[in-house]
Amino acid sequence: MLLNFRSFGACRLSRASAVTVGEHRILQPLKPGQIVSALAYLIGADAAASLAAAIVPVRLNSDSWGDHMDRGTLHSLRVVLPRPVAQRLSGHSTVGFTDISPLRRWLTRQTFWPIPQLRIANRKRVRRQMQRVEWVD
């Protein structure tokens, strides 16, 4: 169950199988392959064991949910809305990308106006784009 997720394009979610828990809804994505990351998630013991067994050799990113479904590592995937875990706009990825250009590396270290404000505005824009959902009945 993904507590915060991103997707390229609007993530298509089914209302038909939705379960309401308090102020949140647990929904099924129609195309799990659209979901390309997850900031926070809950995994049951059986799914965790299946993922652990499939880790070596490394074939997939850890949060390539559609690929895990296609390989049979996971059998179901659900998302929670509204997202109970928020993403920090000031945080940096822990993935450790190394192919950052020297200019971008320099810009990320700058603290003078308007560089930090532009970085935060860009992160907000990207977050809005990657957190769009489309309801399907």
C-alpha atoms as a PDB file:
ATOM      1  CA  MET A   1       0.000   0.000   0.000  1.00  0.00           C
ATOM      2  CA  LEU A   2       1.627   3.207  -1.187  1.00  0.00           C
ATOM      3  CA  LEU A   3       1.238   6.139   1.226  1.00  0.00           C
ATOM      4  CA  ASN A   4       2.734   8.634  -1.209  1.00  0.00           C
ATOM      5  CA  PHE A   5       3.455   7.950  -4.860  1.00  0.00           C
ATOM      6  CA  ARG A   6       4.324   9.578  -8.170  1.00  0.00           C
ATOM      7  CA  SER A   7       3.534   8.744 -11.745  1.00  0.00           C
ATOM      8  CA  PHE A   8       4.316  10.024 -15.205  1.00  0.00           C
ATOM      9  CA  GLY A   9       0.949  11.160 -16.485  1.00  0.00           C
ATOM     10  CA  ALA A  10      -2.240  11.067 -14.457  1.00  0.00           C
ATOM     11  CA  CYS A  11      -2.457   7.853 -12.423  1.00  0.00           C
ATOM     12  CA  ARG A  12      -5.709   6.080 -13.292  1.00  0.00           C
ATOM     13  CA  LEU A  13      -7.454   4.831 -10.138  1.00  0.00           C
ATOM     14  CA  SER A  14     -10.535   2.660  -9.803  1.00  0.00           C
ATOM     15  CA  ARG A  15     -13.327   3.930  -7.561  1.00  0.00           C
ATOM     16  CA  ALA A  16     -15.187   0.629  -7.897  1.00  0.00           C
ATOM     17  CA  SER A  17     -12.870  -1.257  -5.534  1.00  0.00           C
ATOM     18  CA  ALA A  18     -12.166   1.670  -3.184  1.00  0.00           C
ATOM     19  CA  VAL A  19     -12.226   1.133   0.580  1.00  0.00           C
ATOM     20  CA  THR A  20     -12.766   4.102   2.873  1.00  0.00           C
ATOM     21  CA  VAL A  21     -10.803   4.226   6.121  1.00  0.00           C
ATOM     22  CA  GLY A  22     -11.481   7.392   8.085  1.00  0.00           C
ATOM     23  CA  GLU A  23     -10.722  10.316   5.800  1.00  0.00           C
ATOM     24  CA  HIS A  24      -8.645   8.212   3.400  1.00  0.00           C
ATOM     25  CA  ARG A  25      -9.495   5.905   0.528  1.00  0.00           C
ATOM     26  CA  ILE A  26      -7.535   2.835  -0.470  1.00  0.00           C
ATOM     27  CA  LEU A  27      -7.643   2.553  -4.255  1.00  0.00           C
ATOM     28  CA  GLN A  28      -6.397   0.227  -6.960  1.00  0.00           C
ATOM     29  CA  PRO A  29      -4.299   1.702  -9.782  1.00  0.00           C
ATOM     30  CA  LEU A  30      -5.462   0.430 -13.172  1.00  0.00           C
ATOM     31  CA  LYS A  31      -1.931   0.612 -14.586  1.00  0.00           C
ATOM     32  CA  PRO A  32       0.604  -0.105 -11.818  1.00  0.00           C
ATOM     33  CA  GLY A  33       3.400   0.533 -14.317  1.00  0.00           C
ATOM     34  CA  GLN A  34       2.522   4.236 -14.245  1.00  0.00           C
ATOM     35  CA  ILE A  35       3.727   4.477 -10.656  1.00  0.00           C
ATOM     36  CA  VAL A  36       7.425   5.125 -10.724  1.00  0.00           C
ATOM     37  CA  SER A  37       8.224   5.836  -7.113  1.00  0.00           C
ATOM     38  CA  ALA A  38       6.902   5.766  -3.609  1.00  0.00           C
ATOM     39  CA  LEU A  39       7.942   7.978  -0.758  1.00  0.00           C
ATOM     40  CA  ALA A  40       6.414   5.695   1.880  1.00  0.00           C
ATOM     41  CA  TYR A  41       4.635   2.362   1.783  1.00  0.00           C
ATOM     42  CA  LEU A  42       3.353  -0.538   3.847  1.00  0.00           C
ATOM     43  CA  ILE A  43       4.207  -4.079   2.788  1.00  0.00           C
ATOM     44  CA  GLY A  44       2.793  -7.274   4.275  1.00  0.00           C
ATOM     45  CA  ALA A  45       5.091 -10.079   5.419  1.00  0.00           C
ATOM     46  CA  ASP A  46       4.443 -12.305   2.369  1.00  0.00           C
ATOM     47  CA  ALA A  47       5.082  -9.468  -0.097  1.00  0.00           C
ATOM     48  CA  ALA A  48       8.224  -8.434   1.802  1.00  0.00           C
ATOM     49  CA  ALA A  49       9.548 -12.000   1.646  1.00  0.00           C
ATOM     50  CA  SER A  50       8.799 -12.156  -2.077  1.00  0.00           C
ATOM     51  CA  LEU A  51      10.605  -8.845  -2.706  1.00  0.00           C
ATOM     52  CA  ALA A  52      13.566  -9.925  -0.567  1.00  0.00           C
ATOM     53  CA  ALA A  53      13.885 -13.173  -2.520  1.00  0.00           C
ATOM     54  CA  ALA A  54      13.865 -11.275  -5.824  1.00  0.00           C
ATOM     55  CA  ILE A  55      16.452  -8.636  -4.879  1.00  0.00           C
ATOM     56  CA  VAL A  56      19.575 -10.482  -6.069  1.00  0.00           C
ATOM     57  CA  PRO A  57      20.601 -10.218  -8.803  1.00  0.00           C
ATOM     58  CA  VAL A  58      19.402  -6.624  -9.129  1.00  0.00           C
ATOM     59  CA  ARG A  59      17.078  -6.329 -12.134  1.00  0.00           C
ATOM     60  CA  LEU A  60      14.716  -3.529 -11.119  1.00  0.00           C
ATOM     61  CA  ASN A  61      14.528  -0.353  -9.121  1.00  0.00           C
ATOM     62  CA  SER A  62      13.083  -1.084  -5.722  1.00  0.00           C
ATOM     63  CA  ASP A  63       9.962   0.957  -6.472  1.00  0.00           C
ATOM     64  CA  SER A  64       9.267  -0.186 -10.038  1.00  0.00           C
ATOM     65  CA  TRP A  65       5.871  -1.413  -8.923  1.00  0.00           C
ATOM     66  CA  GLY A  66       4.503  -2.367 -12.345  1.00  0.00           C
ATOM     67  CA  ASP A  67       7.615  -4.428 -13.111  1.00  0.00           C
ATOM     68  CA  HIS A  68       7.290  -6.248  -9.781  1.00  0.00           C
ATOM     69  CA  MET A  69       3.663  -7.017 -10.646  1.00  0.00           C
ATOM     70  CA  ASP A  70       4.640  -8.259 -14.135  1.00  0.00           C
ATOM     71  CA  ARG A  71       7.316 -10.567 -12.670  1.00  0.00           C
ATOM     72  CA  GLY A  72       4.903 -11.922 -10.055  1.00  0.00           C
ATOM     73  CA  THR A  73       6.940 -10.566  -7.149  1.00  0.00           C
ATOM     74  CA  LEU A  74       3.860  -8.613  -6.019  1.00  0.00           C
ATOM     75  CA  HIS A  75       0.288  -9.743  -6.561  1.00  0.00           C
ATOM     76  CA  SER A  76      -1.597  -6.547  -5.761  1.00  0.00           C
ATOM     77  CA  LEU A  77      -0.942  -2.866  -5.342  1.00  0.00           C
ATOM     78  CA  ARG A  78      -3.030  -0.192  -3.646  1.00  0.00           C
ATOM     79  CA  VAL A  79      -2.566   3.525  -3.063  1.00  0.00           C
ATOM     80  CA  VAL A  80      -3.938   5.776  -0.328  1.00  0.00           C
ATOM     81  CA  LEU A  81      -5.549   9.164  -0.985  1.00  0.00           C
ATOM     82  CA  PRO A  82      -5.290  11.760   0.277  1.00  0.00           C
ATOM     83  CA  ARG A  83      -1.624  10.921   0.691  1.00  0.00           C
ATOM     84  CA  PRO A  84      -0.962  10.483   4.436  1.00  0.00           C
ATOM     85  CA  VAL A  85       2.792  11.052   4.045  1.00  0.00           C
ATOM     86  CA  ALA A  86       3.962  14.370   2.622  1.00  0.00           C
ATOM     87  CA  GLN A  87       7.085  15.020   0.602  1.00  0.00           C
ATOM     88  CA  ARG A  88       9.488  17.685   1.819  1.00  0.00           C
ATOM     89  CA  LEU A  89      10.138  20.271  -0.848  1.00  0.00           C
ATOM     90  CA  SER A  90      13.575  21.083   0.527  1.00  0.00           C
ATOM     91  CA  GLY A  91      14.754  17.491   0.655  1.00  0.00           C
ATOM     92  CA  HIS A  92      17.145  15.859  -1.760  1.00  0.00           C
ATOM     93  CA  SER A  93      16.843  12.427  -3.295  1.00  0.00           C
ATOM     94  CA  THR A  94      18.569   9.613  -1.446  1.00  0.00           C
ATOM     95  CA  VAL A  95      18.958   7.665  -4.684  1.00  0.00           C
ATOM     96  CA  GLY A  96      22.358   9.274  -5.253  1.00  0.00           C
ATOM     97  CA  PHE A  97      22.245  10.367  -8.872  1.00  0.00           C
ATOM     98  CA  THR A  98      25.764  10.970 -10.128  1.00  0.00           C
ATOM     99  CA  ASP A  99      25.160  12.293 -13.620  1.00  0.00           C
ATOM    100  CA  ILE A 100      24.346  15.852 -12.511  1.00  0.00           C
ATOM    101  CA  SER A 101      25.909  18.578 -14.633  1.00  0.00           C
ATOM    102  CA  PRO A 102      28.489  20.860 -13.009  1.00  0.00           C
ATOM    103  CA  LEU A 103      26.116  23.835 -13.415  1.00  0.00           C
ATOM    104  CA  ARG A 104      23.266  22.027 -11.681  1.00  0.00           C
ATOM    105  CA  ARG A 105      25.585  20.842  -8.898  1.00  0.00           C
ATOM    106  CA  TRP A 106      26.719  24.459  -8.399  1.00  0.00           C
ATOM    107  CA  LEU A 107      23.111  25.728  -8.378  1.00  0.00           C
ATOM    108  CA  THR A 108      22.060  23.216  -5.714  1.00  0.00           C
ATOM    109  CA  ARG A 109      24.698  24.634  -3.344  1.00  0.00           C
ATOM    110  CA  GLN A 110      23.656  28.273  -3.772  1.00  0.00           C
ATOM    111  CA  THR A 111      21.653  30.014  -1.063  1.00  0.00           C
ATOM    112  CA  PHE A 112      21.314  33.534  -2.499  1.00  0.00           C
ATOM    113  CA  TRP A 113      18.008  34.861  -3.802  1.00  0.00           C
ATOM    114  CA  PRO A 114      16.313  33.685  -6.071  1.00  0.00           C
ATOM    115  CA  ILE A 115      18.044  30.327  -6.523  1.00  0.00           C
ATOM    116  CA  PRO A 116      16.467  28.459  -3.546  1.00  0.00           C
ATOM    117  CA  GLN A 117      13.055  29.963  -4.294  1.00  0.00           C
ATOM    118  CA  LEU A 118      13.273  28.839  -7.934  1.00  0.00           C
ATOM    119  CA  ARG A 119      14.290  25.316  -6.859  1.00  0.00           C
ATOM    120  CA  ILE A 120      11.292  25.082  -4.506  1.00  0.00           C
ATOM    121  CA  ALA A 121       8.932  26.457  -7.179  1.00  0.00           C
ATOM    122  CA  ASN A 122      10.232  23.866  -9.635  1.00  0.00           C
ATOM    123  CA  ARG A 123       9.802  21.038  -7.096  1.00  0.00           C
ATOM    124  CA  LYS A 124       6.205  22.159  -6.477  1.00  0.00           C
ATOM    125  CA  ARG A 125       5.522  22.177 -10.222  1.00  0.00           C
ATOM    126  CA  VAL A 126       6.993  18.701 -10.705  1.00  0.00           C
ATOM    127  CA  ARG A 127       5.119  17.378  -7.667  1.00  0.00           C
ATOM    128  CA  ARG A 128       1.790  18.700  -9.010  1.00  0.00           C
ATOM    129  CA  GLN A 129       2.450  17.062 -12.374  1.00  0.00           C
ATOM    130  CA  MET A 130       3.492  13.724 -10.924  1.00  0.00           C
ATOM    131  CA  GLN A 131       0.717  13.497  -8.316  1.00  0.00           C
ATOM    132  CA  ARG A 132      -2.217  13.905 -10.693  1.00  0.00           C
ATOM    133  CA  VAL A 133      -4.889  11.230 -10.585  1.00  0.00           C
ATOM    134  CA  GLU A 134      -7.708  10.299 -12.933  1.00  0.00           C
ATOM    135  CA  TRP A 135     -10.813   8.605 -11.544  1.00  0.00           C
ATOM    136  CA  VAL A 136     -12.265   5.612 -13.374  1.00  0.00           C
ATOM    137  CA  ASP A 137     -15.519   3.947 -12.259  1.00  0.00           C
END
